[in-house]
Amino acid sequence: MQKNIIIAGVGGQGILTIASIIDLAAMNLGLNLKQAEVHGMSQRGGAVESHLRISSKEIYSDLIPLGKADLILSIEPMESLRYLPFLSPEGIIVTTTEPYENIGNYPDIDDLLNNIRMSAKHLLVDAKIIAQEAGGSKTYNIAMLGAASPYLGIETEELEKAIEIFFKRKGDKIVEMNLKAFRLGIEKCKN
């Protein structure tokens, strides 16, 4: 098993939470992993990326080479295009359709989504609606994790265990809301 995953978005969207949950699930399975992250200007709204490499074999570098990412999981659609050079020809982009318009000249969302459609194999997700159905807008990132889960190479049950462990300190209600968002993300994006 070997997966190279880039998780991208902007500060405050829970990029590092997604990476931590995947890390935890991989470690629980005894897999090797390396992670590198870049915090955009260390501020809410700045670009954030995480390179996540998971393998049953030893991993020598924490950075994903150009053209070798199996998955770009983007919590902001424009950020998915920033990492296209990393995507392998067989890779997929899983991105939300809702922009985080933190700049004045943000591109037209329809043009942006059409660029994604033309660029690579893709899955466009309306994570806002999924998060609302789960009971809270803060589950947006976990809904996206659910949507991307079929491409991670980690069983659903292992990811659910990791979600439970990660959110346990926040109480049962938060755990259940995030599990619901994760499951809805899978269900709404099956096809």
C-alpha atoms as a PDB file:
ATOM      1  CA  MET A   1       0.000   0.000   0.000  1.00  0.00           C
ATOM      2  CA  GLN A   2       1.263   3.447  -0.887  1.00  0.00           C
ATOM      3  CA  LYS A   3      -0.645   6.727  -1.040  1.00  0.00           C
ATOM      4  CA  ASN A   4       0.548  10.260  -1.645  1.00  0.00           C
ATOM      5  CA  ILE A   5      -2.043  12.827  -0.567  1.00  0.00           C
ATOM      6  CA  ILE A   6      -2.012  16.605  -0.690  1.00  0.00           C
ATOM      7  CA  ILE A   7      -4.556  18.295   1.546  1.00  0.00           C
ATOM      8  CA  ALA A   8      -5.047  21.936   0.615  1.00  0.00           C
ATOM      9  CA  GLY A   9      -7.110  24.910   1.680  1.00  0.00           C
ATOM     10  CA  VAL A  10      -6.791  28.073   3.685  1.00  0.00           C
ATOM     11  CA  GLY A  11      -6.100  28.661   7.352  1.00  0.00           C
ATOM     12  CA  GLY A  12      -9.062  27.923   9.591  1.00  0.00           C
ATOM     13  CA  GLN A  13     -10.616  25.253   7.364  1.00  0.00           C
ATOM     14  CA  GLY A  14      -9.355  22.263   9.341  1.00  0.00           C
ATOM     15  CA  ILE A  15      -6.668  21.028   6.949  1.00  0.00           C
ATOM     16  CA  LEU A  16      -4.446  19.865   9.782  1.00  0.00           C
ATOM     17  CA  THR A  17      -7.389  18.163  11.507  1.00  0.00           C
ATOM     18  CA  ILE A  18      -7.975  16.058   8.388  1.00  0.00           C
ATOM     19  CA  ALA A  19      -4.274  15.200   8.205  1.00  0.00           C
ATOM     20  CA  SER A  20      -4.199  14.255  11.895  1.00  0.00           C
ATOM     21  CA  ILE A  21      -7.182  11.918  11.533  1.00  0.00           C
ATOM     22  CA  ILE A  22      -5.670  10.182   8.502  1.00  0.00           C
ATOM     23  CA  ASP A  23      -2.323   9.963  10.346  1.00  0.00           C
ATOM     24  CA  LEU A  24      -3.986   8.390  13.368  1.00  0.00           C
ATOM     25  CA  ALA A  25      -5.837   5.801  11.257  1.00  0.00           C
ATOM     26  CA  ALA A  26      -2.630   4.915   9.377  1.00  0.00           C
ATOM     27  CA  MET A  27      -0.633   4.559  12.603  1.00  0.00           C
ATOM     28  CA  ASN A  28      -3.354   2.354  14.112  1.00  0.00           C
ATOM     29  CA  LEU A  29      -2.922   0.080  11.075  1.00  0.00           C
ATOM     30  CA  GLY A  30       0.839  -0.048  11.572  1.00  0.00           C
ATOM     31  CA  LEU A  31       1.544   1.813   8.343  1.00  0.00           C
ATOM     32  CA  ASN A  32       4.486   4.122   7.817  1.00  0.00           C
ATOM     33  CA  LEU A  33       3.764   7.781   7.286  1.00  0.00           C
ATOM     34  CA  LYS A  34       5.467  11.085   6.726  1.00  0.00           C
ATOM     35  CA  GLN A  35       3.795  14.454   6.820  1.00  0.00           C
ATOM     36  CA  ALA A  36       4.968  17.934   5.907  1.00  0.00           C
ATOM     37  CA  GLU A  37       2.826  20.996   6.210  1.00  0.00           C
ATOM     38  CA  VAL A  38       3.017  24.611   5.214  1.00  0.00           C
ATOM     39  CA  HIS A  39       0.986  27.213   7.082  1.00  0.00           C
ATOM     40  CA  GLY A  40       0.311  30.164   4.825  1.00  0.00           C
ATOM     41  CA  MET A  41       1.593  33.223   6.594  1.00  0.00           C
ATOM     42  CA  SER A  42       0.430  31.623   9.875  1.00  0.00           C
ATOM     43  CA  GLN A  43      -2.937  33.290   9.660  1.00  0.00           C
ATOM     44  CA  ARG A  44      -6.578  32.466   9.149  1.00  0.00           C
ATOM     45  CA  GLY A  45      -7.222  32.765   5.429  1.00  0.00           C
ATOM     46  CA  GLY A  46      -3.628  32.109   4.323  1.00  0.00           C
ATOM     47  CA  ALA A  47      -2.854  29.095   2.120  1.00  0.00           C
ATOM     48  CA  VAL A  48      -2.277  25.831   4.003  1.00  0.00           C
ATOM     49  CA  GLU A  49      -1.070  22.568   2.547  1.00  0.00           C
ATOM     50  CA  SER A  50      -0.162  19.215   3.973  1.00  0.00           C
ATOM     51  CA  HIS A  51       1.814  16.541   2.143  1.00  0.00           C
ATOM     52  CA  LEU A  52       0.856  13.166   3.553  1.00  0.00           C
ATOM     53  CA  ARG A  53       2.645   9.988   2.491  1.00  0.00           C
ATOM     54  CA  ILE A  54       1.404   6.598   3.698  1.00  0.00           C
ATOM     55  CA  SER A  55       3.006   3.259   2.877  1.00  0.00           C
ATOM     56  CA  SER A  56       3.439  -0.287   4.048  1.00  0.00           C
ATOM     57  CA  LYS A  57       7.127   0.194   3.147  1.00  0.00           C
ATOM     58  CA  GLU A  58       9.691   2.670   4.434  1.00  0.00           C
ATOM     59  CA  ILE A  59       9.219   6.278   3.282  1.00  0.00           C
ATOM     60  CA  TYR A  60      12.317   8.371   2.717  1.00  0.00           C
ATOM     61  CA  SER A  61      10.917  11.850   2.095  1.00  0.00           C
ATOM     62  CA  ASP A  62       7.981  13.725   3.530  1.00  0.00           C
ATOM     63  CA  LEU A  63       7.471  15.793   0.367  1.00  0.00           C
ATOM     64  CA  ILE A  64       5.513  14.442  -2.584  1.00  0.00           C
ATOM     65  CA  PRO A  65       7.384  14.803  -5.891  1.00  0.00           C
ATOM     66  CA  LEU A  66       5.744  16.533  -8.850  1.00  0.00           C
ATOM     67  CA  GLY A  67       3.396  14.188 -10.690  1.00  0.00           C
ATOM     68  CA  LYS A  68       3.183  11.647  -7.857  1.00  0.00           C
ATOM     69  CA  ALA A  69       0.118  12.651  -5.782  1.00  0.00           C
ATOM     70  CA  ASP A  70      -2.674  10.092  -5.850  1.00  0.00           C
ATOM     71  CA  LEU A  71      -5.131  12.562  -4.351  1.00  0.00           C
ATOM     72  CA  ILE A  72      -5.536  16.287  -3.945  1.00  0.00           C
ATOM     73  CA  LEU A  73      -8.102  16.810  -1.198  1.00  0.00           C
ATOM     74  CA  SER A  74      -8.980  20.479  -1.338  1.00  0.00           C
ATOM     75  CA  ILE A  75     -11.223  22.324   1.077  1.00  0.00           C
ATOM     76  CA  GLU A  76     -11.133  25.363  -1.215  1.00  0.00           C
ATOM     77  CA  PRO A  77     -11.568  24.979  -5.005  1.00  0.00           C
ATOM     78  CA  MET A  78      -8.954  27.500  -6.156  1.00  0.00           C
ATOM     79  CA  GLU A  79      -6.369  25.805  -3.935  1.00  0.00           C
ATOM     80  CA  SER A  80      -6.929  22.497  -5.780  1.00  0.00           C
ATOM     81  CA  LEU A  81      -5.591  24.076  -8.977  1.00  0.00           C
ATOM     82  CA  ARG A  82      -2.461  25.344  -7.213  1.00  0.00           C
ATOM     83  CA  TYR A  83      -1.332  21.736  -6.646  1.00  0.00           C
ATOM     84  CA  LEU A  84      -2.145  20.285 -10.086  1.00  0.00           C
ATOM     85  CA  PRO A  85       1.553  19.845 -10.977  1.00  0.00           C
ATOM     86  CA  PHE A  86       1.776  17.338  -8.111  1.00  0.00           C
ATOM     87  CA  LEU A  87      -1.135  15.186  -9.311  1.00  0.00           C
ATOM     88  CA  SER A  88      -0.255  11.928 -11.037  1.00  0.00           C
ATOM     89  CA  PRO A  89      -1.981  11.143 -14.348  1.00  0.00           C
ATOM     90  CA  GLU A  90      -4.066   8.527 -12.505  1.00  0.00           C
ATOM     91  CA  GLY A  91      -4.761  10.817  -9.528  1.00  0.00           C
ATOM     92  CA  ILE A  92      -7.989  12.533  -8.539  1.00  0.00           C
ATOM     93  CA  ILE A  93      -8.988  15.933  -7.189  1.00  0.00           C
ATOM     94  CA  VAL A  94     -11.665  15.896  -4.493  1.00  0.00           C
ATOM     95  CA  THR A  95     -12.697  19.489  -3.852  1.00  0.00           C
ATOM     96  CA  THR A  96     -15.535  21.457  -2.438  1.00  0.00           C
ATOM     97  CA  THR A  97     -17.590  23.626  -4.763  1.00  0.00           C
ATOM     98  CA  GLU A  98     -17.845  26.525  -2.303  1.00  0.00           C
ATOM     99  CA  PRO A  99     -15.160  29.187  -2.511  1.00  0.00           C
ATOM    100  CA  TYR A 100     -13.508  30.859   0.439  1.00  0.00           C
ATOM    101  CA  GLU A 101     -13.362  34.307  -1.069  1.00  0.00           C
ATOM    102  CA  ASN A 102     -10.626  35.923   0.941  1.00  0.00           C
ATOM    103  CA  ILE A 103      -9.178  37.993  -1.902  1.00  0.00           C
ATOM    104  CA  GLY A 104     -10.736  40.846  -3.848  1.00  0.00           C
ATOM    105  CA  ASN A 105     -10.220  39.409  -7.327  1.00  0.00           C
ATOM    106  CA  TYR A 106     -11.376  35.852  -6.653  1.00  0.00           C
ATOM    107  CA  PRO A 107     -12.096  34.150 -10.011  1.00  0.00           C
ATOM    108  CA  ASP A 108     -15.615  33.389 -11.178  1.00  0.00           C
ATOM    109  CA  ILE A 109     -16.629  30.148  -9.440  1.00  0.00           C
ATOM    110  CA  ASP A 110     -18.155  28.618 -12.588  1.00  0.00           C
ATOM    111  CA  ASP A 111     -14.929  29.240 -14.532  1.00  0.00           C
ATOM    112  CA  LEU A 112     -12.913  27.840 -11.657  1.00  0.00           C
ATOM    113  CA  LEU A 113     -14.983  24.641 -11.433  1.00  0.00           C
ATOM    114  CA  ASN A 114     -14.821  24.217 -15.217  1.00  0.00           C
ATOM    115  CA  ASN A 115     -11.011  24.474 -15.004  1.00  0.00           C
ATOM    116  CA  ILE A 116     -11.016  21.711 -12.404  1.00  0.00           C
ATOM    117  CA  ARG A 117     -13.308  19.572 -14.565  1.00  0.00           C
ATOM    118  CA  MET A 118     -10.988  19.964 -17.556  1.00  0.00           C
ATOM    119  CA  SER A 119      -7.761  19.474 -15.595  1.00  0.00           C
ATOM    120  CA  ALA A 120      -8.062  15.994 -14.094  1.00  0.00           C
ATOM    121  CA  LYS A 121     -10.279  13.255 -12.799  1.00  0.00           C
ATOM    122  CA  HIS A 122     -12.342  15.003 -10.132  1.00  0.00           C
ATOM    123  CA  LEU A 123     -15.098  14.842  -7.558  1.00  0.00           C
ATOM    124  CA  LEU A 124     -16.866  18.122  -6.797  1.00  0.00           C
ATOM    125  CA  VAL A 125     -18.553  18.158  -3.393  1.00  0.00           C
ATOM    126  CA  ASP A 126     -21.153  20.513  -1.928  1.00  0.00           C
ATOM    127  CA  ALA A 127     -19.678  20.195   1.564  1.00  0.00           C
ATOM    128  CA  LYS A 128     -21.680  23.103   2.955  1.00  0.00           C
ATOM    129  CA  ILE A 129     -24.948  21.239   2.523  1.00  0.00           C
ATOM    130  CA  ILE A 130     -23.476  18.019   3.921  1.00  0.00           C
ATOM    131  CA  ALA A 131     -22.131  19.838   6.999  1.00  0.00           C
ATOM    132  CA  GLN A 132     -25.478  21.542   7.592  1.00  0.00           C
ATOM    133  CA  GLU A 133     -27.254  18.182   7.371  1.00  0.00           C
ATOM    134  CA  ALA A 134     -24.764  16.760   9.876  1.00  0.00           C
ATOM    135  CA  GLY A 135     -25.648  19.510  12.325  1.00  0.00           C
ATOM    136  CA  GLY A 136     -22.829  22.010  12.161  1.00  0.00           C
ATOM    137  CA  SER A 137     -20.811  24.084   9.710  1.00  0.00           C
ATOM    138  CA  LYS A 138     -17.611  23.166  11.584  1.00  0.00           C
ATOM    139  CA  THR A 139     -17.945  19.590  10.255  1.00  0.00           C
ATOM    140  CA  TYR A 140     -17.284  20.862   6.722  1.00  0.00           C
ATOM    141  CA  ASN A 141     -13.753  19.414   6.651  1.00  0.00           C
ATOM    142  CA  ILE A 142     -14.882  16.035   8.001  1.00  0.00           C
ATOM    143  CA  ALA A 143     -17.608  15.866   5.321  1.00  0.00           C
ATOM    144  CA  MET A 144     -14.810  16.370   2.778  1.00  0.00           C
ATOM    145  CA  LEU A 145     -12.771  13.622   4.457  1.00  0.00           C
ATOM    146  CA  GLY A 146     -15.771  11.311   4.006  1.00  0.00           C
ATOM    147  CA  ALA A 147     -16.068  12.257   0.330  1.00  0.00           C
ATOM    148  CA  ALA A 148     -12.362  11.532  -0.222  1.00  0.00           C
ATOM    149  CA  SER A 149     -12.229   8.390   1.922  1.00  0.00           C
ATOM    150  CA  PRO A 150     -12.635   5.902  -0.978  1.00  0.00           C
ATOM    151  CA  TYR A 151      -9.348   7.231  -2.403  1.00  0.00           C
ATOM    152  CA  LEU A 152      -7.286   7.008   0.799  1.00  0.00           C
ATOM    153  CA  GLY A 153      -6.626   3.270   0.893  1.00  0.00           C
ATOM    154  CA  ILE A 154      -7.786   3.106   4.522  1.00  0.00           C
ATOM    155  CA  GLU A 155     -10.944   1.260   5.565  1.00  0.00           C
ATOM    156  CA  THR A 156     -13.930   3.376   6.626  1.00  0.00           C
ATOM    157  CA  GLU A 157     -14.011   1.737  10.058  1.00  0.00           C
ATOM    158  CA  GLU A 158     -10.412   2.756  10.750  1.00  0.00           C
ATOM    159  CA  LEU A 159     -11.120   6.356   9.783  1.00  0.00           C
ATOM    160  CA  GLU A 160     -14.222   6.365  12.010  1.00  0.00           C
ATOM    161  CA  LYS A 161     -12.153   5.063  14.949  1.00  0.00           C
ATOM    162  CA  ALA A 162      -9.630   7.842  14.340  1.00  0.00           C
ATOM    163  CA  ILE A 163     -12.420  10.458  14.252  1.00  0.00           C
ATOM    164  CA  GLU A 164     -13.742   9.146  17.575  1.00  0.00           C
ATOM    165  CA  ILE A 165     -10.298   9.278  19.178  1.00  0.00           C
ATOM    166  CA  PHE A 166      -9.496  12.716  17.754  1.00  0.00           C
ATOM    167  CA  PHE A 167     -12.724  14.387  18.935  1.00  0.00           C
ATOM    168  CA  LYS A 168     -13.269  12.397  22.159  1.00  0.00           C
ATOM    169  CA  ARG A 169     -11.952  15.182  24.385  1.00  0.00           C
ATOM    170  CA  LYS A 170     -14.659  17.492  23.005  1.00  0.00           C
ATOM    171  CA  GLY A 171     -17.500  15.211  24.101  1.00  0.00           C
ATOM    172  CA  ASP A 172     -19.896  12.667  22.656  1.00  0.00           C
ATOM    173  CA  LYS A 173     -22.068  15.226  20.851  1.00  0.00           C
ATOM    174  CA  ILE A 174     -19.089  16.542  18.843  1.00  0.00           C
ATOM    175  CA  VAL A 175     -17.910  12.986  18.089  1.00  0.00           C
ATOM    176  CA  GLU A 176     -21.358  12.001  16.799  1.00  0.00           C
ATOM    177  CA  MET A 177     -21.760  15.159  14.710  1.00  0.00           C
ATOM    178  CA  ASN A 178     -18.383  14.573  13.034  1.00  0.00           C
ATOM    179  CA  LEU A 179     -19.097  10.884  12.436  1.00  0.00           C
ATOM    180  CA  LYS A 180     -22.411  11.879  10.855  1.00  0.00           C
ATOM    181  CA  ALA A 181     -20.641  14.403   8.586  1.00  0.00           C
ATOM    182  CA  PHE A 182     -18.061  11.779   7.610  1.00  0.00           C
ATOM    183  CA  ARG A 183     -20.749   9.194   6.790  1.00  0.00           C
ATOM    184  CA  LEU A 184     -22.850  11.717   4.865  1.00  0.00           C
ATOM    185  CA  GLY A 185     -19.753  12.709   2.894  1.00  0.00           C
ATOM    186  CA  ILE A 186     -19.342   9.082   1.839  1.00  0.00           C
ATOM    187  CA  GLU A 187     -23.032   8.566   1.131  1.00  0.00           C
ATOM    188  CA  LYS A 188     -23.602  11.749  -0.888  1.00  0.00           C
ATOM    189  CA  CYS A 189     -20.524  11.149  -3.042  1.00  0.00           C
ATOM    190  CA  LYS A 190     -20.830   7.422  -3.767  1.00  0.00           C
ATOM    191  CA  ASN A 191     -21.540   7.933  -7.442  1.00  0.00           C
END
